[in-house]
Amino acid sequence: MRNYVAAMKISDSCEVRWFQSQGTPGPEWNALFAGVVAEPERTDQYFATQHSGVGFKLRRQQGQPTKLETKYLLGSLGPVELSPGVVGRVERWNKISLEGQDVELDHEKDWLEVRKVRRLLKFAWENGDVRRFDPTKEHPDAGASFELTALSGAPGVTGFTVGAEAFGPAKQLLTILIGVVKHVLVAQPSLKLDVAQSCSYPAWQERLLLLSDGN
């Protein structure tokens, strides 16, 4: 990688995510995200780290600076029941993000290209109260995102992912994440998400590599 001029940001995050490898979101998911306009398609490229606790991602989106992100897994609570029928692996990550221009990949064969079309909900956390907000108009100090993203691109990359990520004071991230996810899911009690579907992007990438090696 070369010719990279960047601004750097270091942050902690608390996250939970699920992957559905086939099909499209059902009516319950579409109802939850009703009225949410999908973001323009973007391309993320994931380096084959061979380790589910380390992620290395390059993001390109038209009209935006290229973003390079490295993630390190700090710890996991394991399976957590977030609402009836919804169990996920809640994890704590440290992220180092760089933004810059003129990024070139030296070894493209080592990268997994994933095209994404994302619908995103953003929620503010205010002393235990949760409310949805417009990220183009305000930037609260604490809260969480909740996303539904269609996946395509490299061979084996299909289906969609559902994920939530908290932001705010480090000591409150877990509380914020669980609080926001429960707030979102209460609107659609019929939604089901199994712990077998729950993993991070690095772990998902590792699964894809294992499947491709098996073939």
N, C-alpha and C. Protein backbone atom coordinates (compact mmCIF):
# COMPACT_ATOMS: atom_id res chain seq x y z
N MET A 1 0.85 -1.18 0.00
CA MET A 1 0.00 0.00 0.00
C MET A 1 0.89 1.24 0.00
N ARG A 2 0.49 2.28 -0.78
CA ARG A 2 1.36 3.43 -0.90
C ARG A 2 0.54 4.69 -1.19
N ASN A 3 1.23 5.86 -1.14
CA ASN A 3 0.62 7.14 -1.46
C ASN A 3 -0.60 7.43 -0.59
N TYR A 4 -0.43 7.28 0.74
CA TYR A 4 -1.56 7.46 1.64
C TYR A 4 -1.33 8.65 2.56
N VAL A 5 -2.17 9.68 2.42
CA VAL A 5 -2.13 10.86 3.28
C VAL A 5 -3.37 10.80 4.16
N ALA A 6 -3.20 10.84 5.49
CA ALA A 6 -4.34 10.47 6.32
C ALA A 6 -4.51 11.35 7.55
N ALA A 7 -5.78 11.32 8.05
CA ALA A 7 -6.13 11.80 9.38
C ALA A 7 -6.49 10.57 10.19
N MET A 8 -6.02 10.49 11.42
CA MET A 8 -6.19 9.27 12.20
C MET A 8 -7.15 9.49 13.36
N LYS A 9 -7.96 8.44 13.66
CA LYS A 9 -8.87 8.43 14.79
C LYS A 9 -8.77 7.08 15.48
N ILE A 10 -8.65 7.08 16.81
CA ILE A 10 -8.59 5.85 17.60
C ILE A 10 -9.79 5.84 18.55
N SER A 11 -10.51 4.73 18.57
CA SER A 11 -11.71 4.66 19.40
C SER A 11 -11.99 3.23 19.82
N ASP A 12 -12.78 3.08 20.88
CA ASP A 12 -13.29 1.78 21.29
C ASP A 12 -14.74 1.66 20.82
N SER A 13 -15.16 0.44 20.57
CA SER A 13 -16.55 0.21 20.20
C SER A 13 -17.05 -1.06 20.85
N CYS A 14 -18.35 -1.11 21.04
CA CYS A 14 -19.02 -2.31 21.52
C CYS A 14 -20.03 -2.69 20.45
N GLU A 15 -19.97 -3.94 19.97
CA GLU A 15 -20.71 -4.31 18.78
C GLU A 15 -21.37 -5.68 18.92
N VAL A 16 -22.40 -5.88 18.09
CA VAL A 16 -23.00 -7.20 17.91
C VAL A 16 -23.45 -7.27 16.46
N ARG A 17 -23.31 -8.45 15.85
CA ARG A 17 -23.61 -8.57 14.42
C ARG A 17 -24.05 -9.99 14.10
N TRP A 18 -24.89 -10.09 13.07
CA TRP A 18 -25.36 -11.37 12.56
C TRP A 18 -25.24 -11.37 11.03
N PHE A 19 -25.01 -12.56 10.46
CA PHE A 19 -24.94 -12.71 9.00
C PHE A 19 -25.96 -13.74 8.55
N GLN A 20 -26.66 -13.41 7.48
CA GLN A 20 -27.53 -14.36 6.79
C GLN A 20 -26.94 -14.58 5.41
N SER A 21 -26.47 -15.78 5.14
CA SER A 21 -25.69 -16.03 3.93
C SER A 21 -26.53 -16.17 2.67
N GLN A 22 -27.84 -16.33 2.81
CA GLN A 22 -28.69 -16.49 1.65
C GLN A 22 -29.96 -15.67 1.80
N GLY A 23 -30.56 -15.38 0.66
CA GLY A 23 -31.85 -14.71 0.67
C GLY A 23 -31.76 -13.21 0.89
N THR A 24 -32.92 -12.61 1.08
CA THR A 24 -33.04 -11.18 1.32
C THR A 24 -33.82 -10.95 2.61
N PRO A 25 -33.73 -9.77 3.18
CA PRO A 25 -34.45 -9.50 4.43
C PRO A 25 -35.95 -9.72 4.27
N GLY A 26 -36.56 -10.33 5.28
CA GLY A 26 -37.99 -10.59 5.26
C GLY A 26 -38.80 -9.34 5.58
N PRO A 27 -40.13 -9.48 5.57
CA PRO A 27 -41.00 -8.32 5.80
C PRO A 27 -40.82 -7.67 7.16
N GLU A 28 -40.42 -8.46 8.16
CA GLU A 28 -40.21 -7.87 9.49
C GLU A 28 -39.07 -6.86 9.47
N TRP A 29 -37.97 -7.23 8.78
CA TRP A 29 -36.83 -6.33 8.69
C TRP A 29 -37.19 -5.10 7.86
N ASN A 30 -37.89 -5.31 6.75
CA ASN A 30 -38.27 -4.18 5.91
C ASN A 30 -39.21 -3.24 6.65
N ALA A 31 -40.06 -3.78 7.51
CA ALA A 31 -40.94 -2.94 8.30
C ALA A 31 -40.15 -2.11 9.31
N LEU A 32 -39.13 -2.73 9.90
CA LEU A 32 -38.31 -2.03 10.88
C LEU A 32 -37.57 -0.86 10.24
N PHE A 33 -37.14 -1.03 8.99
CA PHE A 33 -36.39 0.01 8.29
C PHE A 33 -37.25 0.77 7.28
N ALA A 34 -38.56 0.70 7.44
CA ALA A 34 -39.47 1.39 6.52
C ALA A 34 -39.17 2.89 6.49
N GLY A 35 -39.07 3.42 5.31
CA GLY A 35 -38.80 4.85 5.15
C GLY A 35 -37.34 5.23 5.22
N VAL A 36 -36.46 4.27 5.53
CA VAL A 36 -35.03 4.57 5.59
C VAL A 36 -34.43 4.41 4.19
N VAL A 37 -33.89 5.47 3.67
CA VAL A 37 -33.29 5.44 2.32
C VAL A 37 -31.93 4.77 2.39
N ALA A 38 -31.69 3.82 1.51
CA ALA A 38 -30.41 3.13 1.48
C ALA A 38 -29.29 4.09 1.06
N GLU A 39 -28.14 3.94 1.66
CA GLU A 39 -26.98 4.72 1.28
C GLU A 39 -26.49 4.27 -0.10
N PRO A 40 -25.72 5.11 -0.81
CA PRO A 40 -25.13 4.67 -2.08
C PRO A 40 -24.26 3.44 -1.88
N GLU A 41 -24.24 2.57 -2.86
CA GLU A 41 -23.41 1.37 -2.75
C GLU A 41 -21.95 1.76 -2.53
N ARG A 42 -21.28 1.01 -1.67
CA ARG A 42 -19.87 1.24 -1.44
C ARG A 42 -19.14 -0.10 -1.52
N THR A 43 -17.83 -0.03 -1.65
CA THR A 43 -17.01 -1.24 -1.71
C THR A 43 -16.04 -1.23 -0.54
N ASP A 44 -16.08 -2.30 0.27
CA ASP A 44 -15.10 -2.51 1.33
C ASP A 44 -14.22 -3.69 0.93
N GLN A 45 -12.94 -3.57 1.18
CA GLN A 45 -12.01 -4.65 0.90
C GLN A 45 -11.35 -5.08 2.21
N TYR A 46 -11.44 -6.38 2.50
CA TYR A 46 -10.95 -6.94 3.75
C TYR A 46 -9.69 -7.76 3.48
N PHE A 47 -8.64 -7.43 4.22
CA PHE A 47 -7.39 -8.18 4.08
C PHE A 47 -7.50 -9.51 4.82
N ALA A 48 -6.94 -10.55 4.23
CA ALA A 48 -6.99 -11.88 4.83
C ALA A 48 -6.00 -11.98 5.97
N THR A 49 -6.42 -11.58 7.17
CA THR A 49 -5.53 -11.60 8.34
C THR A 49 -5.36 -13.01 8.90
N GLN A 50 -6.28 -13.92 8.55
CA GLN A 50 -6.27 -15.30 9.07
C GLN A 50 -6.51 -15.34 10.58
N HIS A 51 -7.12 -14.30 11.13
CA HIS A 51 -7.35 -14.24 12.57
C HIS A 51 -8.68 -13.54 12.82
N SER A 52 -9.59 -14.20 13.53
CA SER A 52 -10.92 -13.64 13.77
C SER A 52 -10.90 -12.47 14.74
N GLY A 53 -9.79 -12.24 15.42
CA GLY A 53 -9.70 -11.14 16.37
C GLY A 53 -9.01 -9.91 15.82
N VAL A 54 -8.67 -9.93 14.54
CA VAL A 54 -8.01 -8.79 13.91
C VAL A 54 -8.67 -8.51 12.56
N GLY A 55 -9.07 -7.28 12.35
CA GLY A 55 -9.67 -6.90 11.08
C GLY A 55 -8.88 -5.79 10.42
N PHE A 56 -8.85 -5.83 9.09
CA PHE A 56 -8.12 -4.81 8.32
C PHE A 56 -8.96 -4.51 7.10
N LYS A 57 -9.52 -3.31 7.03
CA LYS A 57 -10.52 -2.99 6.01
C LYS A 57 -10.17 -1.69 5.29
N LEU A 58 -10.40 -1.70 3.98
CA LEU A 58 -10.24 -0.52 3.14
C LEU A 58 -11.60 -0.19 2.56
N ARG A 59 -12.09 1.02 2.78
CA ARG A 59 -13.43 1.41 2.33
C ARG A 59 -13.34 2.50 1.28
N ARG A 60 -14.04 2.26 0.18
CA ARG A 60 -14.14 3.27 -0.89
C ARG A 60 -15.60 3.57 -1.15
N GLN A 61 -15.93 4.86 -1.20
CA GLN A 61 -17.28 5.29 -1.53
C GLN A 61 -17.19 6.56 -2.34
N GLN A 62 -17.95 6.63 -3.43
CA GLN A 62 -17.87 7.76 -4.34
C GLN A 62 -18.13 9.07 -3.61
N GLY A 63 -17.22 10.03 -3.83
CA GLY A 63 -17.36 11.34 -3.23
C GLY A 63 -16.86 11.45 -1.81
N GLN A 64 -16.33 10.34 -1.23
CA GLN A 64 -15.85 10.35 0.14
C GLN A 64 -14.36 9.98 0.18
N PRO A 65 -13.63 10.45 1.21
CA PRO A 65 -12.24 10.02 1.35
C PRO A 65 -12.16 8.51 1.56
N THR A 66 -11.10 7.91 1.08
CA THR A 66 -10.88 6.49 1.33
C THR A 66 -10.56 6.30 2.81
N LYS A 67 -11.14 5.27 3.41
CA LYS A 67 -10.94 5.01 4.83
C LYS A 67 -10.26 3.66 5.02
N LEU A 68 -9.22 3.66 5.83
CA LEU A 68 -8.51 2.44 6.20
C LEU A 68 -8.74 2.20 7.69
N GLU A 69 -9.23 1.01 8.04
CA GLU A 69 -9.57 0.73 9.43
C GLU A 69 -8.94 -0.58 9.90
N THR A 70 -8.29 -0.52 11.04
CA THR A 70 -7.76 -1.72 11.69
C THR A 70 -8.50 -1.92 13.00
N LYS A 71 -8.95 -3.16 13.26
CA LYS A 71 -9.70 -3.47 14.47
C LYS A 71 -9.01 -4.59 15.23
N TYR A 72 -9.00 -4.45 16.56
CA TYR A 72 -8.45 -5.49 17.43
C TYR A 72 -9.50 -5.87 18.46
N LEU A 73 -9.78 -7.16 18.58
CA LEU A 73 -10.77 -7.62 19.54
C LEU A 73 -10.19 -7.54 20.95
N LEU A 74 -10.89 -6.80 21.83
CA LEU A 74 -10.46 -6.65 23.21
C LEU A 74 -11.09 -7.68 24.13
N GLY A 75 -12.30 -8.13 23.79
CA GLY A 75 -12.96 -9.10 24.63
C GLY A 75 -14.38 -9.37 24.15
N SER A 76 -14.97 -10.46 24.62
CA SER A 76 -16.32 -10.84 24.22
C SER A 76 -17.09 -11.36 25.42
N LEU A 77 -18.37 -11.00 25.48
CA LEU A 77 -19.25 -11.54 26.51
C LEU A 77 -19.80 -12.89 26.11
N GLY A 78 -19.56 -13.29 24.86
CA GLY A 78 -20.16 -14.52 24.37
C GLY A 78 -21.62 -14.30 24.06
N PRO A 79 -22.43 -15.38 24.00
CA PRO A 79 -23.85 -15.24 23.67
C PRO A 79 -24.61 -14.43 24.73
N VAL A 80 -25.35 -13.42 24.26
CA VAL A 80 -26.17 -12.58 25.12
C VAL A 80 -27.58 -12.53 24.54
N GLU A 81 -28.59 -12.81 25.35
CA GLU A 81 -29.97 -12.68 24.88
C GLU A 81 -30.37 -11.20 24.94
N LEU A 82 -30.60 -10.63 23.78
CA LEU A 82 -30.90 -9.21 23.68
C LEU A 82 -32.39 -8.93 23.65
N SER A 83 -33.15 -9.92 23.26
CA SER A 83 -34.61 -9.88 23.34
C SER A 83 -35.07 -11.31 23.09
N PRO A 84 -36.34 -11.64 23.38
CA PRO A 84 -36.80 -13.01 23.14
C PRO A 84 -36.57 -13.43 21.69
N GLY A 85 -35.81 -14.50 21.50
CA GLY A 85 -35.53 -14.99 20.16
C GLY A 85 -34.33 -14.36 19.49
N VAL A 86 -33.65 -13.42 20.16
CA VAL A 86 -32.49 -12.74 19.57
C VAL A 86 -31.30 -12.92 20.51
N VAL A 87 -30.31 -13.69 20.06
CA VAL A 87 -29.10 -13.94 20.83
C VAL A 87 -27.90 -13.61 19.97
N GLY A 88 -26.98 -12.83 20.49
CA GLY A 88 -25.80 -12.44 19.72
C GLY A 88 -24.54 -12.41 20.55
N ARG A 89 -23.42 -12.40 19.86
CA ARG A 89 -22.11 -12.31 20.53
C ARG A 89 -21.72 -10.83 20.66
N VAL A 90 -21.77 -10.33 21.86
CA VAL A 90 -21.43 -8.93 22.12
C VAL A 90 -19.93 -8.84 22.33
N GLU A 91 -19.28 -7.96 21.55
CA GLU A 91 -17.82 -7.87 21.55
C GLU A 91 -17.36 -6.43 21.72
N ARG A 92 -16.16 -6.30 22.30
CA ARG A 92 -15.52 -5.00 22.49
C ARG A 92 -14.28 -4.93 21.59
N TRP A 93 -14.19 -3.87 20.79
CA TRP A 93 -13.11 -3.72 19.83
C TRP A 93 -12.40 -2.37 20.01
N ASN A 94 -11.13 -2.35 19.65
CA ASN A 94 -10.39 -1.09 19.51
C ASN A 94 -10.17 -0.86 18.02
N LYS A 95 -10.49 0.36 17.57
CA LYS A 95 -10.42 0.66 16.14
C LYS A 95 -9.46 1.83 15.89
N ILE A 96 -8.65 1.68 14.86
CA ILE A 96 -7.78 2.75 14.39
C ILE A 96 -8.21 3.06 12.96
N SER A 97 -8.73 4.27 12.74
CA SER A 97 -9.25 4.64 11.43
C SER A 97 -8.40 5.75 10.82
N LEU A 98 -8.08 5.59 9.54
CA LEU A 98 -7.34 6.59 8.78
C LEU A 98 -8.17 7.00 7.58
N GLU A 99 -8.14 8.30 7.24
CA GLU A 99 -8.79 8.77 6.03
C GLU A 99 -7.75 9.44 5.15
N GLY A 100 -7.81 9.14 3.86
CA GLY A 100 -6.81 9.72 2.97
C GLY A 100 -7.20 9.56 1.51
N GLN A 101 -6.21 9.68 0.65
CA GLN A 101 -6.43 9.64 -0.79
C GLN A 101 -5.37 8.79 -1.46
N ASP A 102 -5.67 8.40 -2.71
CA ASP A 102 -4.69 7.73 -3.58
C ASP A 102 -4.17 6.44 -2.98
N VAL A 103 -5.11 5.58 -2.55
CA VAL A 103 -4.72 4.29 -1.99
C VAL A 103 -4.62 3.27 -3.11
N GLU A 104 -3.54 2.51 -3.13
CA GLU A 104 -3.37 1.41 -4.06
C GLU A 104 -3.01 0.15 -3.28
N LEU A 105 -3.59 -0.99 -3.71
CA LEU A 105 -3.33 -2.24 -3.04
C LEU A 105 -2.20 -2.96 -3.75
N ASP A 106 -1.18 -3.38 -3.01
CA ASP A 106 -0.04 -4.04 -3.61
C ASP A 106 -0.30 -5.52 -3.91
N HIS A 107 -1.20 -6.16 -3.14
CA HIS A 107 -1.45 -7.59 -3.31
C HIS A 107 -2.96 -7.83 -3.30
N GLU A 108 -3.61 -7.54 -4.41
CA GLU A 108 -5.06 -7.59 -4.45
C GLU A 108 -5.60 -9.00 -4.22
N LYS A 109 -4.82 -10.02 -4.51
CA LYS A 109 -5.30 -11.39 -4.31
C LYS A 109 -5.50 -11.71 -2.83
N ASP A 110 -4.92 -10.94 -1.94
CA ASP A 110 -5.06 -11.18 -0.50
C ASP A 110 -6.24 -10.44 0.10
N TRP A 111 -7.04 -9.77 -0.74
CA TRP A 111 -8.15 -8.96 -0.25
C TRP A 111 -9.48 -9.53 -0.72
N LEU A 112 -10.47 -9.48 0.15
CA LEU A 112 -11.83 -9.90 -0.17
C LEU A 112 -12.67 -8.66 -0.44
N GLU A 113 -13.21 -8.56 -1.64
CA GLU A 113 -14.01 -7.39 -2.01
C GLU A 113 -15.48 -7.64 -1.69
N VAL A 114 -16.07 -6.71 -0.95
CA VAL A 114 -17.47 -6.83 -0.54
C VAL A 114 -18.20 -5.54 -0.91
N ARG A 115 -19.21 -5.68 -1.73
CA ARG A 115 -20.06 -4.53 -2.07
C ARG A 115 -21.23 -4.47 -1.08
N LYS A 116 -21.54 -3.28 -0.62
CA LYS A 116 -22.55 -3.12 0.42
C LYS A 116 -23.56 -2.04 0.06
N VAL A 117 -24.82 -2.34 0.34
CA VAL A 117 -25.88 -1.33 0.29
C VAL A 117 -26.53 -1.32 1.67
N ARG A 118 -26.35 -0.23 2.39
CA ARG A 118 -26.71 -0.20 3.80
C ARG A 118 -27.90 0.72 4.06
N ARG A 119 -28.78 0.24 4.94
CA ARG A 119 -29.81 1.09 5.53
C ARG A 119 -29.45 1.25 7.01
N LEU A 120 -29.48 2.49 7.48
CA LEU A 120 -28.91 2.78 8.80
C LEU A 120 -29.88 3.58 9.65
N LEU A 121 -30.06 3.12 10.89
CA LEU A 121 -30.78 3.87 11.91
C LEU A 121 -29.77 4.33 12.96
N LYS A 122 -29.94 5.58 13.44
CA LYS A 122 -29.04 6.11 14.46
C LYS A 122 -29.87 6.55 15.67
N PHE A 123 -29.37 6.16 16.85
CA PHE A 123 -30.09 6.45 18.07
C PHE A 123 -29.19 7.14 19.08
N ALA A 124 -29.73 8.14 19.74
CA ALA A 124 -29.02 8.83 20.82
C ALA A 124 -29.38 8.18 22.14
N TRP A 125 -28.41 8.17 23.05
CA TRP A 125 -28.59 7.64 24.41
C TRP A 125 -28.42 8.80 25.38
N GLU A 126 -29.50 9.12 26.11
CA GLU A 126 -29.49 10.27 27.01
C GLU A 126 -30.01 9.85 28.37
N ASN A 127 -29.07 9.51 29.27
CA ASN A 127 -29.43 9.10 30.64
C ASN A 127 -30.42 7.94 30.65
N GLY A 128 -30.19 6.98 29.77
CA GLY A 128 -31.06 5.81 29.72
C GLY A 128 -32.22 5.92 28.74
N ASP A 129 -32.49 7.11 28.25
CA ASP A 129 -33.54 7.30 27.25
C ASP A 129 -32.95 7.15 25.85
N VAL A 130 -33.72 6.53 24.96
CA VAL A 130 -33.27 6.29 23.59
C VAL A 130 -34.19 7.02 22.62
N ARG A 131 -33.59 7.72 21.69
CA ARG A 131 -34.40 8.37 20.65
C ARG A 131 -33.63 8.32 19.33
N ARG A 132 -34.37 8.21 18.25
CA ARG A 132 -33.76 8.22 16.93
C ARG A 132 -33.38 9.65 16.55
N PHE A 133 -32.25 9.80 15.83
CA PHE A 133 -31.84 11.13 15.40
C PHE A 133 -31.33 11.10 13.97
N ASP A 134 -31.27 12.26 13.37
CA ASP A 134 -30.78 12.44 12.00
C ASP A 134 -29.30 12.80 12.06
N PRO A 135 -28.39 11.91 11.62
CA PRO A 135 -26.95 12.20 11.74
C PRO A 135 -26.47 13.35 10.86
N THR A 136 -27.29 13.80 9.92
CA THR A 136 -26.90 14.95 9.11
C THR A 136 -27.17 16.27 9.83
N LYS A 137 -27.93 16.19 10.94
CA LYS A 137 -28.33 17.41 11.63
C LYS A 137 -27.78 17.52 13.04
N GLU A 138 -27.43 16.40 13.68
CA GLU A 138 -26.90 16.47 15.04
C GLU A 138 -25.93 15.33 15.29
N HIS A 139 -25.10 15.51 16.33
CA HIS A 139 -24.08 14.54 16.68
C HIS A 139 -24.04 14.36 18.20
N PRO A 140 -24.94 13.56 18.74
CA PRO A 140 -24.97 13.36 20.19
C PRO A 140 -23.70 12.68 20.70
N ASP A 141 -23.45 12.82 21.98
CA ASP A 141 -22.23 12.29 22.58
C ASP A 141 -22.26 10.77 22.76
N ALA A 142 -23.45 10.19 22.84
CA ALA A 142 -23.56 8.76 23.08
C ALA A 142 -24.77 8.21 22.35
N GLY A 143 -24.65 6.96 21.93
CA GLY A 143 -25.75 6.32 21.23
C GLY A 143 -25.26 5.08 20.49
N ALA A 144 -26.00 4.68 19.48
CA ALA A 144 -25.62 3.49 18.72
C ALA A 144 -26.26 3.53 17.34
N SER A 145 -25.60 2.89 16.41
CA SER A 145 -26.16 2.70 15.08
C SER A 145 -26.75 1.29 14.99
N PHE A 146 -27.75 1.15 14.13
CA PHE A 146 -28.36 -0.16 13.89
C PHE A 146 -28.55 -0.26 12.38
N GLU A 147 -27.94 -1.27 11.76
CA GLU A 147 -27.89 -1.32 10.30
C GLU A 147 -28.43 -2.62 9.74
N LEU A 148 -28.89 -2.53 8.50
CA LEU A 148 -29.30 -3.68 7.69
C LEU A 148 -28.60 -3.49 6.35
N THR A 149 -27.69 -4.41 6.00
CA THR A 149 -26.82 -4.21 4.84
C THR A 149 -26.83 -5.42 3.92
N ALA A 150 -27.16 -5.18 2.65
CA ALA A 150 -27.10 -6.23 1.63
C ALA A 150 -25.65 -6.41 1.20
N LEU A 151 -25.23 -7.68 1.01
CA LEU A 151 -23.84 -8.01 0.69
C LEU A 151 -23.76 -8.70 -0.68
N SER A 152 -22.73 -8.34 -1.44
CA SER A 152 -22.44 -9.02 -2.71
C SER A 152 -20.97 -8.78 -3.01
N GLY A 153 -20.52 -9.31 -4.15
CA GLY A 153 -19.12 -9.05 -4.52
C GLY A 153 -18.36 -10.31 -4.84
N ALA A 154 -17.38 -10.66 -4.00
CA ALA A 154 -16.52 -11.81 -4.25
C ALA A 154 -17.33 -13.11 -4.19
N PRO A 155 -16.81 -14.20 -4.79
CA PRO A 155 -17.49 -15.49 -4.72
C PRO A 155 -17.80 -15.89 -3.27
N GLY A 156 -19.02 -16.30 -3.03
CA GLY A 156 -19.43 -16.69 -1.68
C GLY A 156 -19.99 -15.56 -0.85
N VAL A 157 -19.86 -14.33 -1.32
CA VAL A 157 -20.37 -13.17 -0.57
C VAL A 157 -21.79 -12.89 -1.05
N THR A 158 -22.77 -13.33 -0.26
CA THR A 158 -24.17 -13.14 -0.58
C THR A 158 -24.95 -12.88 0.70
N GLY A 159 -26.22 -12.55 0.55
CA GLY A 159 -27.09 -12.39 1.71
C GLY A 159 -27.04 -10.99 2.29
N PHE A 160 -27.16 -10.92 3.61
CA PHE A 160 -27.19 -9.62 4.27
C PHE A 160 -26.67 -9.76 5.70
N THR A 161 -26.38 -8.62 6.32
CA THR A 161 -25.92 -8.59 7.69
C THR A 161 -26.73 -7.57 8.48
N VAL A 162 -26.95 -7.87 9.75
CA VAL A 162 -27.60 -6.97 10.69
C VAL A 162 -26.60 -6.69 11.81
N GLY A 163 -26.41 -5.43 12.15
CA GLY A 163 -25.43 -5.13 13.17
C GLY A 163 -25.75 -3.87 13.94
N ALA A 164 -25.20 -3.79 15.15
CA ALA A 164 -25.34 -2.60 15.98
C ALA A 164 -23.99 -2.27 16.59
N GLU A 165 -23.70 -0.98 16.70
CA GLU A 165 -22.42 -0.53 17.25
C GLU A 165 -22.65 0.71 18.11
N ALA A 166 -22.17 0.65 19.34
CA ALA A 166 -22.36 1.76 20.28
C ALA A 166 -21.19 2.74 20.20
N PHE A 167 -21.47 4.00 20.50
CA PHE A 167 -20.44 5.03 20.63
C PHE A 167 -20.73 5.85 21.87
N GLY A 168 -19.68 6.45 22.41
CA GLY A 168 -19.85 7.26 23.61
C GLY A 168 -18.76 6.97 24.61
N PRO A 169 -18.95 7.32 25.89
CA PRO A 169 -17.94 7.05 26.92
C PRO A 169 -17.63 5.56 27.02
N ALA A 170 -16.35 5.23 27.11
CA ALA A 170 -15.92 3.83 27.08
C ALA A 170 -16.61 2.99 28.15
N LYS A 171 -16.79 3.53 29.34
CA LYS A 171 -17.38 2.76 30.44
C LYS A 171 -18.86 2.47 30.25
N GLN A 172 -19.51 3.18 29.33
CA GLN A 172 -20.95 3.01 29.13
C GLN A 172 -21.29 2.26 27.85
N LEU A 173 -20.31 1.87 27.07
CA LEU A 173 -20.59 1.31 25.75
C LEU A 173 -21.48 0.07 25.81
N LEU A 174 -21.19 -0.84 26.74
CA LEU A 174 -21.99 -2.05 26.82
C LEU A 174 -23.44 -1.73 27.17
N THR A 175 -23.62 -0.87 28.16
CA THR A 175 -24.98 -0.48 28.57
C THR A 175 -25.73 0.17 27.41
N ILE A 176 -25.04 1.04 26.69
CA ILE A 176 -25.66 1.74 25.56
C ILE A 176 -26.06 0.75 24.47
N LEU A 177 -25.15 -0.15 24.13
CA LEU A 177 -25.43 -1.11 23.06
C LEU A 177 -26.66 -1.95 23.38
N ILE A 178 -26.67 -2.56 24.54
CA ILE A 178 -27.79 -3.43 24.91
C ILE A 178 -29.09 -2.63 25.00
N GLY A 179 -29.01 -1.43 25.56
CA GLY A 179 -30.21 -0.60 25.68
C GLY A 179 -30.80 -0.22 24.33
N VAL A 180 -29.95 0.17 23.40
CA VAL A 180 -30.44 0.58 22.08
C VAL A 180 -30.97 -0.62 21.30
N VAL A 181 -30.26 -1.74 21.33
CA VAL A 181 -30.72 -2.92 20.60
C VAL A 181 -32.08 -3.37 21.12
N LYS A 182 -32.27 -3.40 22.43
CA LYS A 182 -33.56 -3.79 22.98
C LYS A 182 -34.65 -2.80 22.56
N HIS A 183 -34.32 -1.52 22.54
CA HIS A 183 -35.28 -0.50 22.11
C HIS A 183 -35.71 -0.72 20.67
N VAL A 184 -34.77 -1.06 19.80
CA VAL A 184 -35.08 -1.28 18.39
C VAL A 184 -35.92 -2.54 18.20
N LEU A 185 -35.52 -3.63 18.83
CA LEU A 185 -36.16 -4.92 18.58
C LEU A 185 -37.55 -5.02 19.18
N VAL A 186 -37.85 -4.21 20.18
CA VAL A 186 -39.18 -4.29 20.79
C VAL A 186 -40.26 -3.92 19.77
N ALA A 187 -39.87 -3.16 18.71
CA ALA A 187 -40.84 -2.77 17.69
C ALA A 187 -41.22 -3.93 16.78
N GLN A 188 -40.37 -4.98 16.74
CA GLN A 188 -40.64 -6.14 15.90
C GLN A 188 -40.37 -7.42 16.70
N PRO A 189 -41.26 -7.79 17.60
CA PRO A 189 -41.01 -8.94 18.48
C PRO A 189 -40.93 -10.27 17.74
N SER A 190 -41.37 -10.32 16.48
CA SER A 190 -41.32 -11.58 15.74
C SER A 190 -39.94 -11.85 15.13
N LEU A 191 -39.04 -10.88 15.18
CA LEU A 191 -37.70 -11.08 14.61
C LEU A 191 -36.92 -12.12 15.41
N LYS A 192 -36.21 -12.98 14.70
CA LYS A 192 -35.39 -14.01 15.34
C LYS A 192 -33.97 -13.93 14.80
N LEU A 193 -33.00 -13.96 15.68
CA LEU A 193 -31.59 -13.97 15.31
C LEU A 193 -30.87 -14.95 16.23
N ASP A 194 -30.21 -15.93 15.63
CA ASP A 194 -29.60 -17.00 16.39
C ASP A 194 -28.12 -16.74 16.61
N VAL A 195 -27.59 -17.23 17.71
CA VAL A 195 -26.18 -17.02 18.01
C VAL A 195 -25.27 -17.67 16.96
N ALA A 196 -25.76 -18.72 16.30
CA ALA A 196 -24.96 -19.36 15.26
C ALA A 196 -24.70 -18.43 14.08
N GLN A 197 -25.56 -17.43 13.90
CA GLN A 197 -25.39 -16.45 12.83
C GLN A 197 -24.55 -15.25 13.27
N SER A 198 -24.21 -15.19 14.54
CA SER A 198 -23.60 -13.99 15.10
C SER A 198 -22.08 -14.09 15.11
N CYS A 199 -21.44 -13.13 14.45
CA CYS A 199 -19.98 -13.03 14.47
C CYS A 199 -19.58 -11.67 13.91
N SER A 200 -18.32 -11.34 14.07
CA SER A 200 -17.78 -10.09 13.54
C SER A 200 -17.42 -10.25 12.07
N TYR A 201 -17.11 -9.15 11.40
CA TYR A 201 -16.65 -9.24 10.02
C TYR A 201 -15.37 -10.06 9.89
N PRO A 202 -14.36 -9.88 10.77
CA PRO A 202 -13.18 -10.74 10.65
C PRO A 202 -13.49 -12.22 10.79
N ALA A 203 -14.38 -12.59 11.72
CA ALA A 203 -14.75 -13.99 11.89
C ALA A 203 -15.54 -14.50 10.68
N TRP A 204 -16.40 -13.66 10.14
CA TRP A 204 -17.15 -14.02 8.93
C TRP A 204 -16.21 -14.25 7.76
N GLN A 205 -15.23 -13.37 7.62
CA GLN A 205 -14.25 -13.54 6.55
C GLN A 205 -13.47 -14.84 6.72
N GLU A 206 -13.12 -15.16 7.95
CA GLU A 206 -12.39 -16.40 8.21
C GLU A 206 -13.25 -17.61 7.82
N ARG A 207 -14.55 -17.56 8.10
CA ARG A 207 -15.45 -18.64 7.70
C ARG A 207 -15.49 -18.80 6.19
N LEU A 208 -15.55 -17.67 5.47
CA LEU A 208 -15.58 -17.73 4.01
C LEU A 208 -14.31 -18.36 3.45
N LEU A 209 -13.17 -18.02 4.04
CA LEU A 209 -11.90 -18.59 3.60
C LEU A 209 -11.86 -20.09 3.82
N LEU A 210 -12.39 -20.53 4.97
CA LEU A 210 -12.42 -21.97 5.26
C LEU A 210 -13.31 -22.71 4.27
N LEU A 211 -14.46 -22.07 3.94
CA LEU A 211 -15.37 -22.70 2.97
C LEU A 211 -14.73 -22.78 1.60
N SER A 212 -14.03 -21.72 1.19
CA SER A 212 -13.38 -21.74 -0.13
C SER A 212 -12.25 -22.74 -0.18
N ASP A 213 -11.52 -22.91 0.93
CA ASP A 213 -10.45 -23.91 0.97
C ASP A 213 -11.02 -25.32 0.90
N GLY A 214 -12.23 -25.48 1.48
CA GLY A 214 -12.86 -26.80 1.46
C GLY A 214 -13.34 -27.23 0.09
N ASN A 215 -13.54 -26.22 -0.76
CA ASN A 215 -13.96 -26.53 -2.13
C ASN A 215 -12.78 -26.67 -3.06
